[in-house]
């Protein structure tokens, strides 16, 4: 948590997939509205977050996603170009 606090303001973008949402939520950095996969969506709803069905969702610098290829699409959105693996 101390590391995240130290680097947060200098981060241009933060990409969250699978269950990393819970880490940002614990740190108080997760936006109120997120995209999340089934494995974590119910927990987030119980915590008071609004979960969107889109593969990824951006709020300020935080991209939340379902993970996998949705995380790749979030990276492409940020880069404004296709990302080739």
Protein backbone atom coordinates (compact mmCIF):
# COMPACT_ATOMS: atom_id res chain seq x y z
CA UNK A 1 0.00 0.00 0.00
CA UNK A 2 2.86 2.37 0.80
CA UNK A 3 4.38 1.75 -2.63
CA UNK A 4 1.07 2.45 -4.37
CA UNK A 5 0.65 5.67 -2.37
CA UNK A 6 4.17 6.74 -3.35
CA UNK A 7 3.79 6.15 -7.11
CA UNK A 8 0.07 6.83 -7.69
CA UNK A 9 0.30 10.48 -8.75
CA UNK A 10 3.04 9.72 -11.28
CA UNK A 11 1.13 6.94 -13.03
CA UNK A 12 -0.23 7.76 -16.47
CA UNK A 13 -2.54 4.74 -16.57
CA UNK A 14 -3.46 1.81 -14.36
CA UNK A 15 -4.77 -1.43 -15.89
CA UNK A 16 -6.78 -3.84 -13.75
CA UNK A 17 -8.01 -7.26 -14.79
CA UNK A 18 -9.28 -10.45 -13.21
CA UNK A 19 -9.32 -9.89 -9.44
CA UNK A 20 -6.82 -7.01 -9.08
CA UNK A 21 -9.88 -4.81 -8.56
CA UNK A 22 -9.93 -5.92 -4.94
CA UNK A 23 -6.41 -4.60 -4.36
CA UNK A 24 -7.31 -1.15 -5.70
CA UNK A 25 -10.56 -1.21 -3.71
CA UNK A 26 -8.64 -1.96 -0.52
CA UNK A 27 -6.27 0.89 -1.35
CA UNK A 28 -9.22 3.25 -1.92
CA UNK A 29 -8.23 3.81 -5.56
CA UNK A 30 -10.91 1.85 -7.43
CA UNK A 31 -13.50 4.01 -9.24
CA UNK A 32 -17.14 3.56 -8.21
CA UNK A 33 -18.05 2.20 -11.65
CA UNK A 34 -15.96 -0.64 -13.09
CA UNK A 35 -15.84 -3.43 -15.63
CA UNK A 36 -15.19 -6.78 -13.99
CA UNK A 37 -15.46 -10.45 -14.76
CA UNK A 38 -17.78 -12.84 -12.97
CA UNK A 39 -15.07 -14.05 -10.60
CA UNK A 40 -15.00 -10.70 -8.80
CA UNK A 41 -18.14 -8.80 -9.89
CA UNK A 42 -20.39 -10.09 -7.11
CA UNK A 43 -17.84 -9.13 -4.44
CA UNK A 44 -17.57 -5.64 -5.90
CA UNK A 45 -21.35 -5.18 -5.99
CA UNK A 46 -21.53 -6.21 -2.33
CA UNK A 47 -18.86 -3.61 -1.60
CA UNK A 48 -21.00 -0.92 -3.27
CA UNK A 49 -19.37 -0.69 -6.70
CA UNK A 50 -21.36 -0.53 -9.94
CA UNK A 51 -20.22 -3.21 -12.37
CA UNK A 52 -20.59 -2.62 -16.09
CA UNK A 53 -20.92 -5.39 -18.67
CA UNK A 54 -18.37 -3.91 -21.10
CA UNK A 55 -15.08 -5.74 -21.49
CA UNK A 56 -13.25 -2.69 -20.13
CA UNK A 57 -14.20 0.64 -18.61
CA UNK A 58 -12.05 3.74 -18.07
CA UNK A 59 -12.43 6.32 -15.32
CA UNK A 60 -9.67 8.95 -15.23
CA UNK A 61 -6.44 6.94 -15.45
CA UNK A 62 -7.86 3.62 -14.23
CA UNK A 63 -8.86 1.01 -16.80
CA UNK A 64 -10.82 -1.85 -15.27
CA UNK A 65 -11.50 -4.97 -17.30
CA UNK A 66 -12.59 -8.57 -17.34
CA UNK A 67 -8.93 -9.48 -17.93
CA UNK A 68 -7.53 -11.46 -20.85
CA UNK A 69 -8.27 -9.96 -24.25
CA UNK A 70 -10.38 -7.22 -22.63
CA UNK A 71 -7.23 -6.05 -20.90
CA UNK A 72 -5.48 -5.96 -24.28
CA UNK A 73 -8.34 -3.85 -25.73
CA UNK A 74 -7.97 -1.45 -22.78
CA UNK A 75 -4.26 -1.12 -23.53
CA UNK A 76 -5.06 -0.43 -27.20
CA UNK A 77 -7.54 2.27 -26.14
CA UNK A 78 -4.90 3.94 -24.00
CA UNK A 79 -2.20 3.67 -26.70
CA UNK A 80 -4.65 4.78 -29.42
CA UNK A 81 -3.33 2.04 -31.70
CA UNK A 82 -3.40 -1.71 -32.14
CA UNK A 83 -1.16 -3.70 -29.85
CA UNK A 84 0.37 -6.72 -31.55
CA UNK A 85 1.37 -9.65 -29.40
